[in-house]
Amino acid sequence: MHCCGGILICHCLKAAMSKEADYVVCNPATEEMWAVLPVPSKNLSTAHLCFDPAVPRCFKVFLFVQSFEGIQRVEVYSSETGQWTSMQSQWSHDILLMGKHSECVFFNDTLHLVADNMIGFMIQEGKVIRSMVTVHTEGKAWRSIRMPDDIHNGFIGQSQGRIYATRLENGDDCCLSVWVLKDYATGEWTLKCTASIPELLGRPHRRHSELYTLVAIHPECSLIYLAGGVRLENTLMSYDMDSGELQIPWAKSACMVSNNTNTCYTENRVIFYLPFVGEENNTTAQLIK
């Protein structure tokens, strides 16, 4: 599942225990199904939806066919043509998208994703070097921007017209670090803020089995959402990047729609969702899973 501009794309099996599936593009706010797309081929990564609310009903879907040898090709669906087209990746041949659910941001008609360099995973001075790769929806521009050297998990997001990269270290201090892409043209990142989660909760250090995971970056406010706590706690928190305050507005279980109640929260994938109701889009943020 992926969300962009208030529209969802879901991978739906045609029948129970079936290997055949479709992609369904829908608007949960209006309960409309926009399109049912056949899956073009096997061994695909997560579908990445590109939708701009300023251009209603027009969207594209990117699928990346990759192996340990890199990205083999890119499948793109356009709502304007109603067809899939195939193109070759223009990134370096050793680029590999991170994980099945690679973090992505759609911004300025461009898809941004986190990637590894497969040649030794680009280990320099004991650090794993990761990149943010970008592709324009028309396939006109392909680019690779080196991420901050201290980034390990490759979590990115867009807020108020700027792209952020974050790191959450579950060590003694559970430190959250946030970088902002200061200069998009040159790829220059600047460290915006750091914070110790236990200190913000009034404790000098983390407790035994205390773990946190990054959830989302609010697209319209300077908020980062994270979840976790001690062992099986399901606490959802928001960190204000400007004020440095940590708030616990909800219990995580009250804000999620669970697909698998047996899955531990550290393995859950959470999607930030702003409903799209039309050209006059009054939105209220929600978190769904």
C-alpha atoms as a PDB file:
ATOM      1  CA  MET A   1       0.000   0.000   0.000  1.00  0.00           C
ATOM      2  CA  HIS A   2       1.156   3.533  -0.796  1.00  0.00           C
ATOM      3  CA  CYS A   3      -0.523   6.904  -0.325  1.00  0.00           C
ATOM      4  CA  CYS A   4       0.065  10.105  -2.248  1.00  0.00           C
ATOM      5  CA  GLY A   5      -2.014  13.285  -2.111  1.00  0.00           C
ATOM      6  CA  GLY A   6      -4.859  11.519  -0.305  1.00  0.00           C
ATOM      7  CA  ILE A   7      -5.142   8.710  -2.877  1.00  0.00           C
ATOM      8  CA  LEU A   8      -4.231   5.099  -2.074  1.00  0.00           C
ATOM      9  CA  ILE A   9      -2.864   2.286  -4.195  1.00  0.00           C
ATOM     10  CA  CYS A  10      -3.313  -1.232  -2.830  1.00  0.00           C
ATOM     11  CA  HIS A  11      -2.084  -4.642  -3.977  1.00  0.00           C
ATOM     12  CA  CYS A  12      -5.199  -6.846  -3.936  1.00  0.00           C
ATOM     13  CA  LEU A  13      -5.357 -10.603  -4.486  1.00  0.00           C
ATOM     14  CA  LYS A  14      -8.119 -11.682  -6.860  1.00  0.00           C
ATOM     15  CA  ALA A  15      -9.073 -14.544  -4.562  1.00  0.00           C
ATOM     16  CA  ALA A  16      -7.981 -16.112  -1.296  1.00  0.00           C
ATOM     17  CA  MET A  17      -4.719 -18.099  -1.685  1.00  0.00           C
ATOM     18  CA  SER A  18      -4.446 -16.848  -5.260  1.00  0.00           C
ATOM     19  CA  LYS A  19      -1.177 -15.639  -6.789  1.00  0.00           C
ATOM     20  CA  GLU A  20      -3.046 -13.395  -9.217  1.00  0.00           C
ATOM     21  CA  ALA A  21      -3.501  -9.795  -8.126  1.00  0.00           C
ATOM     22  CA  ASP A  22      -4.378  -6.297  -9.267  1.00  0.00           C
ATOM     23  CA  TYR A  23      -3.419  -2.832  -8.132  1.00  0.00           C
ATOM     24  CA  VAL A  24      -6.419  -0.799  -7.007  1.00  0.00           C
ATOM     25  CA  VAL A  25      -6.258   3.001  -6.950  1.00  0.00           C
ATOM     26  CA  CYS A  26      -8.931   4.519  -4.742  1.00  0.00           C
ATOM     27  CA  ASN A  27      -9.998   7.552  -2.720  1.00  0.00           C
ATOM     28  CA  PRO A  28     -11.027   6.463   0.800  1.00  0.00           C
ATOM     29  CA  ALA A  29     -12.451   9.919   1.614  1.00  0.00           C
ATOM     30  CA  THR A  30     -15.065   9.700  -1.139  1.00  0.00           C
ATOM     31  CA  GLU A  31     -15.196   5.862  -1.247  1.00  0.00           C
ATOM     32  CA  GLU A  32     -14.428   5.953  -4.982  1.00  0.00           C
ATOM     33  CA  MET A  33     -12.415   3.392  -6.896  1.00  0.00           C
ATOM     34  CA  TRP A  34     -10.421   5.231  -9.541  1.00  0.00           C
ATOM     35  CA  ALA A  35      -8.777   2.361 -11.398  1.00  0.00           C
ATOM     36  CA  VAL A  36      -7.957  -1.349 -11.329  1.00  0.00           C
ATOM     37  CA  LEU A  37      -4.537  -2.027 -12.824  1.00  0.00           C
ATOM     38  CA  PRO A  38      -3.234  -5.455 -13.794  1.00  0.00           C
ATOM     39  CA  VAL A  39       0.144  -6.299 -12.278  1.00  0.00           C
ATOM     40  CA  PRO A  40       2.475  -6.089 -15.296  1.00  0.00           C
ATOM     41  CA  SER A  41       5.075  -8.654 -14.187  1.00  0.00           C
ATOM     42  CA  LYS A  42       6.554 -10.544 -11.246  1.00  0.00           C
ATOM     43  CA  ASN A  43       9.423  -9.624  -8.896  1.00  0.00           C
ATOM     44  CA  LEU A  44       8.342  -6.013  -8.523  1.00  0.00           C
ATOM     45  CA  SER A  45       8.954  -3.696  -5.624  1.00  0.00           C
ATOM     46  CA  THR A  46       6.171  -1.748  -3.932  1.00  0.00           C
ATOM     47  CA  ALA A  47       4.016   0.350  -6.257  1.00  0.00           C
ATOM     48  CA  HIS A  48       4.783   4.063  -5.898  1.00  0.00           C
ATOM     49  CA  LEU A  49       1.840   6.344  -6.649  1.00  0.00           C
ATOM     50  CA  CYS A  50       2.415   9.852  -8.031  1.00  0.00           C
ATOM     51  CA  PHE A  51      -0.605  12.133  -7.647  1.00  0.00           C
ATOM     52  CA  ASP A  52      -0.875  15.920  -7.457  1.00  0.00           C
ATOM     53  CA  PRO A  53      -4.194  17.120  -5.935  1.00  0.00           C
ATOM     54  CA  ALA A  54      -3.920  20.219  -8.133  1.00  0.00           C
ATOM     55  CA  VAL A  55      -4.496  17.962 -11.174  1.00  0.00           C
ATOM     56  CA  PRO A  56      -7.481  15.780 -10.148  1.00  0.00           C
ATOM     57  CA  ARG A  57      -7.902  12.273 -11.589  1.00  0.00           C
ATOM     58  CA  CYS A  58      -4.446  12.286 -13.218  1.00  0.00           C
ATOM     59  CA  PHE A  59      -1.864   9.966 -11.700  1.00  0.00           C
ATOM     60  CA  LYS A  60       1.067   7.701 -12.487  1.00  0.00           C
ATOM     61  CA  VAL A  61       2.331   4.513 -10.872  1.00  0.00           C
ATOM     62  CA  PHE A  62       6.000   3.508 -10.830  1.00  0.00           C
ATOM     63  CA  LEU A  63       7.141  -0.104 -10.369  1.00  0.00           C
ATOM     64  CA  PHE A  64      10.813  -1.024 -10.217  1.00  0.00           C
ATOM     65  CA  VAL A  65      11.993  -4.436 -11.396  1.00  0.00           C
ATOM     66  CA  GLN A  66      15.201  -5.120  -9.508  1.00  0.00           C
ATOM     67  CA  SER A  67      17.480  -7.975  -8.466  1.00  0.00           C
ATOM     68  CA  PHE A  68      20.856  -8.223  -6.780  1.00  0.00           C
ATOM     69  CA  GLU A  69      22.257  -6.971 -10.075  1.00  0.00           C
ATOM     70  CA  GLY A  70      20.422  -3.668  -9.707  1.00  0.00           C
ATOM     71  CA  ILE A  71      17.305  -2.163 -11.275  1.00  0.00           C
ATOM     72  CA  GLN A  72      16.530  -4.021 -14.479  1.00  0.00           C
ATOM     73  CA  ARG A  73      13.732  -1.789 -15.757  1.00  0.00           C
ATOM     74  CA  VAL A  74      10.935   0.546 -14.648  1.00  0.00           C
ATOM     75  CA  GLU A  75       7.239  -0.041 -15.372  1.00  0.00           C
ATOM     76  CA  VAL A  76       5.102   3.128 -15.463  1.00  0.00           C
ATOM     77  CA  TYR A  77       1.301   3.339 -15.605  1.00  0.00           C
ATOM     78  CA  SER A  78      -0.359   6.558 -16.762  1.00  0.00           C
ATOM     79  CA  SER A  79      -4.017   7.318 -16.030  1.00  0.00           C
ATOM     80  CA  GLU A  80      -4.094   9.468 -19.180  1.00  0.00           C
ATOM     81  CA  THR A  81      -3.266   6.554 -21.509  1.00  0.00           C
ATOM     82  CA  GLY A  82      -4.583   3.724 -19.325  1.00  0.00           C
ATOM     83  CA  GLN A  83      -1.505   1.662 -20.187  1.00  0.00           C
ATOM     84  CA  TRP A  84       1.769   0.426 -18.744  1.00  0.00           C
ATOM     85  CA  THR A  85       4.988   1.420 -20.466  1.00  0.00           C
ATOM     86  CA  SER A  86       8.488   0.129 -19.817  1.00  0.00           C
ATOM     87  CA  MET A  87      11.663   2.196 -19.605  1.00  0.00           C
ATOM     88  CA  GLN A  88      15.268   1.636 -18.638  1.00  0.00           C
ATOM     89  CA  SER A  89      16.639   3.113 -15.444  1.00  0.00           C
ATOM     90  CA  GLN A  90      19.073   5.983 -16.009  1.00  0.00           C
ATOM     91  CA  TRP A  91      20.568   5.681 -12.532  1.00  0.00           C
ATOM     92  CA  SER A  92      23.928   4.031 -11.968  1.00  0.00           C
ATOM     93  CA  HIS A  93      23.778   0.288 -12.641  1.00  0.00           C
ATOM     94  CA  ASP A  94      24.749  -0.486  -9.023  1.00  0.00           C
ATOM     95  CA  ILE A  95      21.795   1.362  -7.455  1.00  0.00           C
ATOM     96  CA  LEU A  96      19.396  -0.841  -5.464  1.00  0.00           C
ATOM     97  CA  LEU A  97      16.257   0.467  -3.757  1.00  0.00           C
ATOM     98  CA  MET A  98      16.146  -0.174  -0.020  1.00  0.00           C
ATOM     99  CA  GLY A  99      13.835  -2.943   1.116  1.00  0.00           C
ATOM    100  CA  LYS A 100      10.414  -3.975  -0.104  1.00  0.00           C
ATOM    101  CA  HIS A 101       8.830  -0.782   1.207  1.00  0.00           C
ATOM    102  CA  SER A 102      11.420   1.780   0.190  1.00  0.00           C
ATOM    103  CA  GLU A 103      10.629   5.208   1.629  1.00  0.00           C
ATOM    104  CA  CYS A 104       9.568   7.655  -1.055  1.00  0.00           C
ATOM    105  CA  VAL A 105       8.468  11.248  -1.506  1.00  0.00           C
ATOM    106  CA  PHE A 106       6.562  12.718  -4.461  1.00  0.00           C
ATOM    107  CA  PHE A 107       7.504  16.373  -4.759  1.00  0.00           C
ATOM    108  CA  ASN A 108       7.639  18.835  -7.695  1.00  0.00           C
ATOM    109  CA  ASP A 109       6.538  16.160 -10.207  1.00  0.00           C
ATOM    110  CA  THR A 110       9.488  14.042  -9.093  1.00  0.00           C
ATOM    111  CA  LEU A 111       9.630  10.748  -7.221  1.00  0.00           C
ATOM    112  CA  HIS A 112      12.335  10.529  -4.526  1.00  0.00           C
ATOM    113  CA  LEU A 113      13.452   7.162  -3.118  1.00  0.00           C
ATOM    114  CA  VAL A 114      16.180   5.847  -0.809  1.00  0.00           C
ATOM    115  CA  ALA A 115      18.780   3.564  -2.358  1.00  0.00           C
ATOM    116  CA  ASP A 116      21.992   1.710  -1.598  1.00  0.00           C
ATOM    117  CA  ASN A 117      25.066   1.487  -3.768  1.00  0.00           C
ATOM    118  CA  MET A 118      25.695  -2.246  -4.152  1.00  0.00           C
ATOM    119  CA  ILE A 119      29.466  -2.012  -4.591  1.00  0.00           C
ATOM    120  CA  GLY A 120      30.444  -2.827  -1.034  1.00  0.00           C
ATOM    121  CA  PHE A 121      27.384  -0.819  -0.028  1.00  0.00           C
ATOM    122  CA  MET A 122      29.687   2.193  -0.438  1.00  0.00           C
ATOM    123  CA  ILE A 123      31.415   1.734   2.903  1.00  0.00           C
ATOM    124  CA  GLN A 124      33.715   4.668   3.483  1.00  0.00           C
ATOM    125  CA  GLU A 125      35.571   5.236   6.766  1.00  0.00           C
ATOM    126  CA  GLY A 126      33.377   2.632   8.439  1.00  0.00           C
ATOM    127  CA  LYS A 127      30.126   4.296   7.326  1.00  0.00           C
ATOM    128  CA  VAL A 128      27.464   2.993   4.940  1.00  0.00           C
ATOM    129  CA  ILE A 129      26.787   5.647   2.305  1.00  0.00           C
ATOM    130  CA  ARG A 130      23.222   5.879   1.045  1.00  0.00           C
ATOM    131  CA  SER A 131      21.656   7.940  -1.708  1.00  0.00           C
ATOM    132  CA  MET A 132      18.315   9.513  -2.484  1.00  0.00           C
ATOM    133  CA  VAL A 133      17.534   8.788  -6.123  1.00  0.00           C
ATOM    134  CA  THR A 134      15.011  10.836  -8.081  1.00  0.00           C
ATOM    135  CA  VAL A 135      13.101  10.452 -11.327  1.00  0.00           C
ATOM    136  CA  HIS A 136      10.738  12.919 -13.010  1.00  0.00           C
ATOM    137  CA  THR A 137       7.298  11.502 -13.779  1.00  0.00           C
ATOM    138  CA  GLU A 138       7.940  12.006 -17.507  1.00  0.00           C
ATOM    139  CA  GLY A 139      11.242  10.128 -17.243  1.00  0.00           C
ATOM    140  CA  LYS A 140      13.129  13.254 -18.296  1.00  0.00           C
ATOM    141  CA  ALA A 141      15.516  13.609 -15.355  1.00  0.00           C
ATOM    142  CA  TRP A 142      17.225  10.925 -13.269  1.00  0.00           C
ATOM    143  CA  ARG A 143      19.439  11.913 -10.379  1.00  0.00           C
ATOM    144  CA  SER A 144      21.258  10.579  -7.318  1.00  0.00           C
ATOM    145  CA  ILE A 145      21.784  12.757  -4.220  1.00  0.00           C
ATOM    146  CA  ARG A 146      24.135  11.497  -1.521  1.00  0.00           C
ATOM    147  CA  MET A 147      22.437  11.404   1.882  1.00  0.00           C
ATOM    148  CA  PRO A 148      24.090  12.563   5.133  1.00  0.00           C
ATOM    149  CA  ASP A 149      26.878  10.184   6.178  1.00  0.00           C
ATOM    150  CA  ASP A 150      25.242   9.345   9.519  1.00  0.00           C
ATOM    151  CA  ILE A 151      21.988   8.135   7.951  1.00  0.00           C
ATOM    152  CA  HIS A 152      21.433   4.393   8.501  1.00  0.00           C
ATOM    153  CA  ASN A 153      17.725   3.707   8.014  1.00  0.00           C
ATOM    154  CA  GLY A 154      17.130   6.048   5.068  1.00  0.00           C
ATOM    155  CA  PHE A 155      13.842   7.558   6.291  1.00  0.00           C
ATOM    156  CA  ILE A 156      12.845  10.599   4.208  1.00  0.00           C
ATOM    157  CA  GLY A 157       9.814  12.887   4.074  1.00  0.00           C
ATOM    158  CA  GLN A 158       8.528  16.186   2.746  1.00  0.00           C
ATOM    159  CA  SER A 159       7.249  19.018   4.905  1.00  0.00           C
ATOM    160  CA  GLN A 160       6.266  22.539   3.868  1.00  0.00           C
ATOM    161  CA  GLY A 161       8.086  22.313   0.570  1.00  0.00           C
ATOM    162  CA  ARG A 162      11.374  20.912   1.893  1.00  0.00           C
ATOM    163  CA  ILE A 163      12.782  17.377   2.004  1.00  0.00           C
ATOM    164  CA  TYR A 164      14.003  15.918   5.292  1.00  0.00           C
ATOM    165  CA  ALA A 165      16.139  12.896   6.148  1.00  0.00           C
ATOM    166  CA  THR A 166      16.031  11.391   9.631  1.00  0.00           C
ATOM    167  CA  ARG A 167      17.913   8.924  11.790  1.00  0.00           C
ATOM    168  CA  LEU A 168      16.665   7.278  14.981  1.00  0.00           C
ATOM    169  CA  GLU A 169      19.392   5.489  16.911  1.00  0.00           C
ATOM    170  CA  ASN A 170      18.070   2.985  19.454  1.00  0.00           C
ATOM    171  CA  GLY A 171      21.194   3.142  21.637  1.00  0.00           C
ATOM    172  CA  ASP A 172      21.610   4.392  25.178  1.00  0.00           C
ATOM    173  CA  ASP A 173      20.139   7.813  24.397  1.00  0.00           C
ATOM    174  CA  CYS A 174      17.598   6.905  21.645  1.00  0.00           C
ATOM    175  CA  CYS A 175      18.791   9.927  19.681  1.00  0.00           C
ATOM    176  CA  LEU A 176      16.695  11.406  16.861  1.00  0.00           C
ATOM    177  CA  SER A 177      18.613  13.410  14.229  1.00  0.00           C
ATOM    178  CA  VAL A 178      16.990  15.414  11.426  1.00  0.00           C
ATOM    179  CA  TRP A 179      18.618  16.879   8.311  1.00  0.00           C
ATOM    180  CA  VAL A 180      17.008  19.206   5.765  1.00  0.00           C
ATOM    181  CA  LEU A 181      17.967  19.358   2.094  1.00  0.00           C
ATOM    182  CA  LYS A 182      19.126  22.976   2.160  1.00  0.00           C
ATOM    183  CA  ASP A 183      20.121  23.236  -1.516  1.00  0.00           C
ATOM    184  CA  TYR A 184      18.251  20.929  -3.879  1.00  0.00           C
ATOM    185  CA  ALA A 185      20.451  21.827  -6.853  1.00  0.00           C
ATOM    186  CA  THR A 186      23.749  20.949  -5.153  1.00  0.00           C
ATOM    187  CA  GLY A 187      22.392  18.229  -2.858  1.00  0.00           C
ATOM    188  CA  GLU A 188      23.603  19.996   0.294  1.00  0.00           C
ATOM    189  CA  TRP A 189      22.113  18.718   3.568  1.00  0.00           C
ATOM    190  CA  THR A 190      22.098  20.648   6.851  1.00  0.00           C
ATOM    191  CA  LEU A 191      21.576  19.197  10.313  1.00  0.00           C
ATOM    192  CA  LYS A 192      18.368  20.811  11.593  1.00  0.00           C
ATOM    193  CA  CYS A 193      18.010  19.304  15.070  1.00  0.00           C
ATOM    194  CA  THR A 194      18.831  16.426  17.402  1.00  0.00           C
ATOM    195  CA  ALA A 195      16.927  15.144  20.412  1.00  0.00           C
ATOM    196  CA  SER A 196      17.114  12.384  23.022  1.00  0.00           C
ATOM    197  CA  ILE A 197      13.717  10.693  23.310  1.00  0.00           C
ATOM    198  CA  PRO A 198      14.184   9.505  26.940  1.00  0.00           C
ATOM    199  CA  GLU A 199      15.263  13.014  28.007  1.00  0.00           C
ATOM    200  CA  LEU A 200      12.174  14.497  26.378  1.00  0.00           C
ATOM    201  CA  LEU A 201      10.148  11.975  28.396  1.00  0.00           C
ATOM    202  CA  GLY A 202      11.882  13.111  31.597  1.00  0.00           C
ATOM    203  CA  ARG A 203      14.359  10.231  31.941  1.00  0.00           C
ATOM    204  CA  PRO A 204      18.193  10.380  31.851  1.00  0.00           C
ATOM    205  CA  HIS A 205      18.582   7.296  29.649  1.00  0.00           C
ATOM    206  CA  ARG A 206      16.611   4.601  27.868  1.00  0.00           C
ATOM    207  CA  ARG A 207      15.070   1.730  29.753  1.00  0.00           C
ATOM    208  CA  HIS A 208      15.674  -1.942  29.052  1.00  0.00           C
ATOM    209  CA  SER A 209      13.816  -3.046  25.870  1.00  0.00           C
ATOM    210  CA  GLU A 210      12.883   0.562  25.059  1.00  0.00           C
ATOM    211  CA  LEU A 211      12.736   0.933  21.264  1.00  0.00           C
ATOM    212  CA  TYR A 212      11.333   3.463  18.817  1.00  0.00           C
ATOM    213  CA  THR A 213      10.655   3.548  15.102  1.00  0.00           C
ATOM    214  CA  LEU A 214      10.066   6.443  12.712  1.00  0.00           C
ATOM    215  CA  VAL A 215       6.543   6.635  11.320  1.00  0.00           C
ATOM    216  CA  ALA A 216       6.006   9.741   9.188  1.00  0.00           C
ATOM    217  CA  ILE A 217       6.799  13.396   8.613  1.00  0.00           C
ATOM    218  CA  HIS A 218       3.788  15.707   8.484  1.00  0.00           C
ATOM    219  CA  PRO A 219       3.630  17.366   5.043  1.00  0.00           C
ATOM    220  CA  GLU A 220       2.110  20.607   6.354  1.00  0.00           C
ATOM    221  CA  CYS A 221       3.572  20.973   9.876  1.00  0.00           C
ATOM    222  CA  SER A 222       7.053  20.657  11.386  1.00  0.00           C
ATOM    223  CA  LEU A 223       6.140  17.349  13.038  1.00  0.00           C
ATOM    224  CA  ILE A 224       7.815  13.960  13.006  1.00  0.00           C
ATOM    225  CA  TYR A 225       5.794  10.958  14.174  1.00  0.00           C
ATOM    226  CA  LEU A 226       7.457   8.038  15.916  1.00  0.00           C
ATOM    227  CA  ALA A 227       6.131   5.007  17.740  1.00  0.00           C
ATOM    228  CA  GLY A 228       7.396   2.692  20.433  1.00  0.00           C
ATOM    229  CA  GLY A 229       8.252   2.568  24.106  1.00  0.00           C
ATOM    230  CA  VAL A 230       9.221  -0.186  26.495  1.00  0.00           C
ATOM    231  CA  ARG A 231       8.812  -3.661  24.994  1.00  0.00           C
ATOM    232  CA  LEU A 232       5.209  -4.026  23.735  1.00  0.00           C
ATOM    233  CA  GLU A 233       4.033  -0.456  24.307  1.00  0.00           C
ATOM    234  CA  ASN A 234       2.214   0.990  21.297  1.00  0.00           C
ATOM    235  CA  THR A 235       2.673   4.684  21.938  1.00  0.00           C
ATOM    236  CA  LEU A 236       2.475   7.125  19.023  1.00  0.00           C
ATOM    237  CA  MET A 237       4.323  10.401  19.582  1.00  0.00           C
ATOM    238  CA  SER A 238       4.900  13.626  17.670  1.00  0.00           C
ATOM    239  CA  TYR A 239       8.134  15.623  17.810  1.00  0.00           C
ATOM    240  CA  ASP A 240       8.051  19.307  16.851  1.00  0.00           C
ATOM    241  CA  MET A 241      11.225  20.111  14.894  1.00  0.00           C
ATOM    242  CA  ASP A 242      10.878  23.848  15.629  1.00  0.00           C
ATOM    243  CA  SER A 243      10.011  23.901  19.335  1.00  0.00           C
ATOM    244  CA  GLY A 244      11.805  20.660  20.262  1.00  0.00           C
ATOM    245  CA  GLU A 245       8.743  19.420  22.153  1.00  0.00           C
ATOM    246  CA  LEU A 246       7.580  15.810  22.269  1.00  0.00           C
ATOM    247  CA  GLN A 247       3.876  15.113  22.649  1.00  0.00           C
ATOM    248  CA  ILE A 248       1.872  11.913  23.050  1.00  0.00           C
ATOM    249  CA  PRO A 249      -1.502  12.813  21.518  1.00  0.00           C
ATOM    250  CA  TRP A 250      -2.822   9.277  20.954  1.00  0.00           C
ATOM    251  CA  ALA A 251      -2.366   5.646  21.786  1.00  0.00           C
ATOM    252  CA  LYS A 252      -1.137   3.997  18.616  1.00  0.00           C
ATOM    253  CA  SER A 253      -3.846   1.309  18.623  1.00  0.00           C
ATOM    254  CA  ALA A 254      -6.528   4.019  18.407  1.00  0.00           C
ATOM    255  CA  CYS A 255      -5.071   5.503  15.226  1.00  0.00           C
ATOM    256  CA  MET A 256      -4.265   2.438  13.155  1.00  0.00           C
ATOM    257  CA  VAL A 257      -6.263   0.077  11.024  1.00  0.00           C
ATOM    258  CA  SER A 258      -4.496  -3.260  11.444  1.00  0.00           C
ATOM    259  CA  ASN A 259      -4.065  -5.748   8.610  1.00  0.00           C
ATOM    260  CA  ASN A 260      -2.340  -8.296  10.815  1.00  0.00           C
ATOM    261  CA  THR A 261      -3.096  -8.233  14.529  1.00  0.00           C
ATOM    262  CA  ASN A 262      -0.313 -10.750  15.167  1.00  0.00           C
ATOM    263  CA  THR A 263       2.442  -8.526  13.815  1.00  0.00           C
ATOM    264  CA  CYS A 264       4.730  -6.870  16.368  1.00  0.00           C
ATOM    265  CA  TYR A 265       4.565  -3.087  16.141  1.00  0.00           C
ATOM    266  CA  THR A 266       8.253  -2.830  15.220  1.00  0.00           C
ATOM    267  CA  GLU A 267       7.445  -4.671  11.989  1.00  0.00           C
ATOM    268  CA  ASN A 268       4.347  -2.645  11.138  1.00  0.00           C
ATOM    269  CA  ARG A 269       4.343  -0.263   8.231  1.00  0.00           C
ATOM    270  CA  VAL A 270       2.443   2.948   8.871  1.00  0.00           C
ATOM    271  CA  ILE A 271       1.266   5.397   6.217  1.00  0.00           C
ATOM    272  CA  PHE A 272       0.498   9.050   6.799  1.00  0.00           C
ATOM    273  CA  TYR A 273      -2.812   9.960   5.165  1.00  0.00           C
ATOM    274  CA  LEU A 274      -4.370  13.353   4.372  1.00  0.00           C
ATOM    275  CA  PRO A 275      -7.855  12.832   2.854  1.00  0.00           C
ATOM    276  CA  PHE A 276      -8.494  14.280  -0.600  1.00  0.00           C
ATOM    277  CA  VAL A 277     -12.097  15.383  -1.046  1.00  0.00           C
ATOM    278  CA  GLY A 278     -11.862  17.404  -4.249  1.00  0.00           C
ATOM    279  CA  GLU A 279     -10.608  20.740  -5.503  1.00  0.00           C
ATOM    280  CA  GLU A 280     -11.582  22.431  -2.222  1.00  0.00           C
ATOM    281  CA  ASN A 281      -9.626  19.972  -0.157  1.00  0.00           C
ATOM    282  CA  ASN A 282     -10.300  20.306   3.572  1.00  0.00           C
ATOM    283  CA  THR A 283      -7.944  17.778   5.142  1.00  0.00           C
ATOM    284  CA  THR A 284      -7.491  16.219   8.536  1.00  0.00           C
ATOM    285  CA  ALA A 285      -4.378  14.133   9.058  1.00  0.00           C
ATOM    286  CA  GLN A 286      -4.764  10.445   9.816  1.00  0.00           C
ATOM    287  CA  LEU A 287      -2.354   7.566  10.275  1.00  0.00           C
ATOM    288  CA  ILE A 288      -3.293   4.242   8.748  1.00  0.00           C
ATOM    289  CA  LYS A 289      -1.680   0.860   8.453  1.00  0.00           C
END
